Amino acid sequence: ELSVAEHTQCAINSGAKIYVASVAKTAAGMEKSVEILSKLAQEHSMTVLIANCVGSCEGFVGIGKSVAWSPEGLLKQLDDETEGVLVVDTKTHEVDVRINS
């Protein structure tokens, strides 16, 4: 839960090098999550991923835009329409995008 600072702090304190968040976010919610987790990647030398839903989801519209960062910055981000998966090689930071068709 991104709104609970203790969750990310626990990952940091345990020495985690990868942080994955599966979310269901609107455009505004995703904007906040991107801000929080991009800083986490950079400030704590982590590979960070957000998997978000796309389209109608329990009374709201999920904006998609799943994204991955390395400690050096943005690796790849899907758009607001594409259903797909980001596969990240955590050693090389190469990203394979697999699109649902």
N, C-alpha and C. Protein backbone atom coordinates (compact mmCIF):
# COMPACT_ATOMS: atom_id res chain seq x y z
N GLU A 1 0.84 -1.19 0.00
CA GLU A 1 0.00 0.00 0.00
C GLU A 1 0.88 1.24 0.00
N LEU A 2 0.83 2.00 -1.08
CA LEU A 2 1.71 3.15 -1.22
C LEU A 2 1.43 4.27 -0.23
N SER A 3 0.22 4.33 0.28
CA SER A 3 -0.11 5.39 1.23
C SER A 3 0.40 5.08 2.64
N VAL A 4 0.93 3.91 2.84
CA VAL A 4 1.49 3.53 4.14
C VAL A 4 3.01 3.53 4.02
N ALA A 5 3.61 4.60 4.50
CA ALA A 5 5.06 4.79 4.35
C ALA A 5 5.87 3.64 4.94
N GLU A 6 5.35 2.97 5.94
CA GLU A 6 6.07 1.87 6.58
C GLU A 6 6.32 0.71 5.62
N HIS A 7 5.44 0.55 4.63
CA HIS A 7 5.62 -0.56 3.67
C HIS A 7 6.88 -0.36 2.85
N THR A 8 7.03 0.83 2.25
CA THR A 8 8.24 1.07 1.46
C THR A 8 9.46 1.14 2.37
N GLN A 9 9.31 1.69 3.57
CA GLN A 9 10.44 1.77 4.49
C GLN A 9 10.92 0.37 4.88
N CYS A 10 10.01 -0.55 5.04
CA CYS A 10 10.38 -1.93 5.36
C CYS A 10 11.20 -2.54 4.22
N ALA A 11 10.81 -2.28 2.98
CA ALA A 11 11.56 -2.78 1.82
C ALA A 11 12.96 -2.17 1.80
N ILE A 12 13.05 -0.89 2.05
CA ILE A 12 14.34 -0.20 2.09
C ILE A 12 15.22 -0.78 3.19
N ASN A 13 14.66 -0.89 4.39
CA ASN A 13 15.42 -1.39 5.54
C ASN A 13 15.90 -2.82 5.36
N SER A 14 15.16 -3.61 4.60
CA SER A 14 15.54 -5.01 4.40
C SER A 14 16.57 -5.17 3.29
N GLY A 15 16.91 -4.07 2.61
CA GLY A 15 17.91 -4.13 1.55
C GLY A 15 17.36 -4.57 0.21
N ALA A 16 16.07 -4.48 0.03
CA ALA A 16 15.45 -4.89 -1.25
C ALA A 16 16.06 -4.11 -2.41
N LYS A 17 16.25 -4.78 -3.52
CA LYS A 17 16.75 -4.15 -4.74
C LYS A 17 15.66 -4.04 -5.81
N ILE A 18 14.51 -4.69 -5.56
CA ILE A 18 13.38 -4.66 -6.48
C ILE A 18 12.13 -4.37 -5.68
N TYR A 19 11.29 -3.46 -6.19
CA TYR A 19 10.03 -3.12 -5.54
C TYR A 19 8.95 -3.14 -6.61
N VAL A 20 7.91 -3.93 -6.39
CA VAL A 20 6.82 -4.05 -7.35
C VAL A 20 5.51 -3.68 -6.68
N ALA A 21 4.75 -2.80 -7.33
CA ALA A 21 3.43 -2.40 -6.82
C ALA A 21 2.38 -2.72 -7.87
N SER A 22 1.41 -3.53 -7.50
CA SER A 22 0.26 -3.81 -8.35
C SER A 22 -0.86 -2.92 -7.86
N VAL A 23 -1.36 -2.05 -8.72
CA VAL A 23 -2.30 -1.02 -8.29
C VAL A 23 -3.53 -0.97 -9.21
N ALA A 24 -4.53 -0.24 -8.75
CA ALA A 24 -5.70 0.09 -9.57
C ALA A 24 -5.89 1.60 -9.39
N LYS A 25 -5.34 2.37 -10.32
CA LYS A 25 -5.26 3.82 -10.15
C LYS A 25 -5.93 4.58 -11.29
N THR A 26 -6.56 5.70 -10.91
CA THR A 26 -7.05 6.68 -11.87
C THR A 26 -5.85 7.49 -12.36
N ALA A 27 -6.10 8.45 -13.25
CA ALA A 27 -5.01 9.31 -13.73
C ALA A 27 -4.34 10.06 -12.58
N ALA A 28 -5.15 10.65 -11.69
CA ALA A 28 -4.59 11.40 -10.56
C ALA A 28 -3.83 10.49 -9.61
N GLY A 29 -4.37 9.32 -9.34
CA GLY A 29 -3.70 8.37 -8.46
C GLY A 29 -2.39 7.87 -9.03
N MET A 30 -2.38 7.64 -10.33
CA MET A 30 -1.16 7.16 -10.98
C MET A 30 -0.09 8.26 -10.97
N GLU A 31 -0.51 9.50 -11.14
CA GLU A 31 0.45 10.61 -11.10
C GLU A 31 1.17 10.65 -9.75
N LYS A 32 0.44 10.49 -8.66
CA LYS A 32 1.03 10.46 -7.32
C LYS A 32 1.96 9.26 -7.17
N SER A 33 1.50 8.10 -7.63
CA SER A 33 2.31 6.87 -7.51
C SER A 33 3.61 6.98 -8.28
N VAL A 34 3.56 7.56 -9.47
CA VAL A 34 4.76 7.75 -10.28
C VAL A 34 5.75 8.64 -9.54
N GLU A 35 5.26 9.70 -8.94
CA GLU A 35 6.13 10.61 -8.20
C GLU A 35 6.81 9.88 -7.04
N ILE A 36 6.05 9.14 -6.26
CA ILE A 36 6.59 8.43 -5.10
C ILE A 36 7.59 7.35 -5.52
N LEU A 37 7.20 6.53 -6.49
CA LEU A 37 8.03 5.36 -6.80
C LEU A 37 9.22 5.68 -7.70
N SER A 38 9.14 6.71 -8.50
CA SER A 38 10.33 7.09 -9.28
C SER A 38 11.42 7.59 -8.33
N LYS A 39 11.03 8.31 -7.27
CA LYS A 39 11.99 8.75 -6.26
C LYS A 39 12.58 7.56 -5.50
N LEU A 40 11.73 6.58 -5.20
CA LEU A 40 12.20 5.38 -4.51
C LEU A 40 13.30 4.70 -5.31
N ALA A 41 13.09 4.56 -6.60
CA ALA A 41 14.09 3.92 -7.47
C ALA A 41 15.41 4.67 -7.43
N GLN A 42 15.32 5.97 -7.60
CA GLN A 42 16.53 6.78 -7.67
C GLN A 42 17.24 6.91 -6.33
N GLU A 43 16.49 7.22 -5.29
CA GLU A 43 17.11 7.49 -3.99
C GLU A 43 17.62 6.25 -3.28
N HIS A 44 17.07 5.07 -3.63
CA HIS A 44 17.45 3.85 -2.92
C HIS A 44 18.02 2.78 -3.84
N SER A 45 18.43 3.19 -5.04
CA SER A 45 19.08 2.29 -6.01
C SER A 45 18.30 1.00 -6.21
N MET A 46 16.99 1.15 -6.50
CA MET A 46 16.12 0.00 -6.69
C MET A 46 15.58 -0.03 -8.12
N THR A 47 15.28 -1.23 -8.58
CA THR A 47 14.44 -1.39 -9.76
C THR A 47 13.01 -1.38 -9.25
N VAL A 48 12.17 -0.52 -9.81
CA VAL A 48 10.80 -0.34 -9.33
C VAL A 48 9.82 -0.48 -10.49
N LEU A 49 8.75 -1.21 -10.25
CA LEU A 49 7.71 -1.40 -11.26
C LEU A 49 6.34 -1.11 -10.68
N ILE A 50 5.47 -0.52 -11.51
CA ILE A 50 4.06 -0.35 -11.16
C ILE A 50 3.26 -1.04 -12.25
N ALA A 51 2.39 -1.97 -11.86
CA ALA A 51 1.45 -2.60 -12.77
C ALA A 51 0.07 -2.02 -12.47
N ASN A 52 -0.52 -1.32 -13.44
CA ASN A 52 -1.82 -0.68 -13.23
C ASN A 52 -2.85 -1.26 -14.20
N CYS A 53 -4.10 -1.19 -13.80
CA CYS A 53 -5.20 -1.66 -14.66
C CYS A 53 -5.50 -0.63 -15.75
N VAL A 54 -6.13 -1.11 -16.82
CA VAL A 54 -6.54 -0.25 -17.94
C VAL A 54 -8.04 -0.41 -18.13
N GLY A 55 -8.76 0.72 -18.14
CA GLY A 55 -10.19 0.68 -18.43
C GLY A 55 -11.05 0.60 -17.18
N SER A 56 -12.31 0.25 -17.40
CA SER A 56 -13.30 0.23 -16.33
C SER A 56 -12.90 -0.75 -15.22
N CYS A 57 -12.99 -0.24 -13.98
CA CYS A 57 -12.59 -1.05 -12.82
C CYS A 57 -13.38 -0.63 -11.60
N GLU A 58 -14.41 -1.37 -11.24
CA GLU A 58 -15.20 -1.13 -10.03
C GLU A 58 -15.63 0.33 -9.86
N GLY A 59 -16.21 0.90 -10.91
CA GLY A 59 -16.77 2.23 -10.82
C GLY A 59 -15.86 3.38 -11.19
N PHE A 60 -14.65 3.11 -11.61
CA PHE A 60 -13.76 4.17 -12.09
C PHE A 60 -13.00 3.66 -13.31
N VAL A 61 -12.21 4.53 -13.92
CA VAL A 61 -11.43 4.14 -15.09
C VAL A 61 -9.96 4.09 -14.72
N GLY A 62 -9.37 2.90 -14.83
CA GLY A 62 -7.94 2.74 -14.60
C GLY A 62 -7.18 3.31 -15.78
N ILE A 63 -6.17 4.13 -15.51
CA ILE A 63 -5.46 4.86 -16.55
C ILE A 63 -4.36 4.03 -17.23
N GLY A 64 -4.05 2.85 -16.69
CA GLY A 64 -2.97 2.07 -17.29
C GLY A 64 -1.63 2.71 -16.95
N LYS A 65 -0.81 2.86 -17.97
CA LYS A 65 0.51 3.50 -17.84
C LYS A 65 1.44 2.75 -16.90
N SER A 66 1.36 1.42 -16.92
CA SER A 66 2.31 0.62 -16.14
C SER A 66 3.72 1.06 -16.51
N VAL A 67 4.63 1.01 -15.54
CA VAL A 67 5.93 1.64 -15.74
C VAL A 67 7.03 0.91 -14.96
N ALA A 68 8.25 1.03 -15.45
CA ALA A 68 9.42 0.45 -14.78
C ALA A 68 10.56 1.46 -14.77
N TRP A 69 11.26 1.52 -13.63
CA TRP A 69 12.45 2.36 -13.50
C TRP A 69 13.62 1.53 -13.02
N SER A 70 14.80 1.95 -13.41
CA SER A 70 16.04 1.47 -12.80
C SER A 70 16.51 2.59 -11.89
N PRO A 71 17.56 2.38 -11.13
CA PRO A 71 18.07 3.47 -10.31
C PRO A 71 18.50 4.69 -11.14
N GLU A 72 18.80 4.46 -12.43
CA GLU A 72 19.24 5.54 -13.31
C GLU A 72 18.08 6.31 -13.93
N GLY A 73 16.86 5.78 -13.83
CA GLY A 73 15.72 6.50 -14.40
C GLY A 73 14.73 5.60 -15.10
N LEU A 74 13.83 6.24 -15.84
CA LEU A 74 12.75 5.55 -16.54
C LEU A 74 13.29 4.52 -17.52
N LEU A 75 12.74 3.30 -17.45
CA LEU A 75 13.08 2.26 -18.41
C LEU A 75 12.04 2.19 -19.52
N LYS A 76 10.78 2.09 -19.12
CA LYS A 76 9.70 1.94 -20.10
C LYS A 76 8.37 2.21 -19.43
N GLN A 77 7.44 2.80 -20.20
CA GLN A 77 6.09 3.02 -19.69
C GLN A 77 5.10 2.72 -20.80
N LEU A 78 4.07 1.96 -20.44
CA LEU A 78 2.98 1.70 -21.38
C LEU A 78 2.09 2.94 -21.45
N ASP A 79 1.24 3.01 -22.46
CA ASP A 79 0.33 4.15 -22.58
C ASP A 79 -0.97 3.89 -21.83
N ASP A 80 -1.95 4.74 -22.05
CA ASP A 80 -3.21 4.63 -21.31
C ASP A 80 -4.25 3.76 -21.98
N GLU A 81 -3.85 3.03 -23.04
CA GLU A 81 -4.78 2.14 -23.74
C GLU A 81 -4.29 0.71 -23.87
N THR A 82 -3.00 0.52 -23.77
CA THR A 82 -2.39 -0.78 -24.05
C THR A 82 -2.43 -1.72 -22.86
N GLU A 83 -2.98 -2.92 -23.07
CA GLU A 83 -2.89 -3.98 -22.08
C GLU A 83 -1.65 -4.78 -22.42
N GLY A 84 -0.74 -4.84 -21.49
CA GLY A 84 0.49 -5.55 -21.76
C GLY A 84 1.28 -5.80 -20.49
N VAL A 85 2.46 -6.35 -20.68
CA VAL A 85 3.34 -6.69 -19.57
C VAL A 85 4.73 -6.16 -19.88
N LEU A 86 5.36 -5.57 -18.87
CA LEU A 86 6.75 -5.16 -18.97
C LEU A 86 7.60 -6.24 -18.30
N VAL A 87 8.50 -6.84 -19.05
CA VAL A 87 9.40 -7.86 -18.51
C VAL A 87 10.78 -7.22 -18.41
N VAL A 88 11.27 -7.07 -17.19
CA VAL A 88 12.51 -6.34 -16.94
C VAL A 88 13.62 -7.30 -16.54
N ASP A 89 14.74 -7.23 -17.24
CA ASP A 89 15.94 -7.95 -16.84
C ASP A 89 16.60 -7.09 -15.77
N THR A 90 16.62 -7.56 -14.54
CA THR A 90 17.10 -6.72 -13.44
C THR A 90 18.61 -6.56 -13.41
N LYS A 91 19.32 -7.32 -14.21
CA LYS A 91 20.78 -7.14 -14.29
C LYS A 91 21.15 -6.13 -15.37
N THR A 92 20.54 -6.23 -16.55
CA THR A 92 20.88 -5.35 -17.67
C THR A 92 19.93 -4.18 -17.81
N HIS A 93 18.76 -4.26 -17.16
CA HIS A 93 17.68 -3.28 -17.26
C HIS A 93 17.08 -3.18 -18.65
N GLU A 94 17.24 -4.24 -19.44
CA GLU A 94 16.56 -4.31 -20.72
C GLU A 94 15.10 -4.66 -20.44
N VAL A 95 14.19 -4.08 -21.25
CA VAL A 95 12.76 -4.29 -21.05
C VAL A 95 12.15 -4.88 -22.31
N ASP A 96 11.41 -5.95 -22.12
CA ASP A 96 10.65 -6.56 -23.21
C ASP A 96 9.17 -6.23 -22.94
N VAL A 97 8.52 -5.64 -23.92
CA VAL A 97 7.10 -5.31 -23.79
C VAL A 97 6.30 -6.37 -24.49
N ARG A 98 5.40 -7.01 -23.76
CA ARG A 98 4.53 -8.04 -24.33
C ARG A 98 3.10 -7.51 -24.31
N ILE A 99 2.58 -7.30 -25.50
CA ILE A 99 1.26 -6.70 -25.67
C ILE A 99 0.20 -7.79 -25.82
N ASN A 100 -0.92 -7.62 -25.10
CA ASN A 100 -2.07 -8.53 -25.25
C ASN A 100 -2.78 -8.18 -26.55
N SER A 101 -3.01 -9.18 -27.37
CA SER A 101 -3.71 -8.89 -28.63
C SER A 101 -4.99 -9.68 -28.74
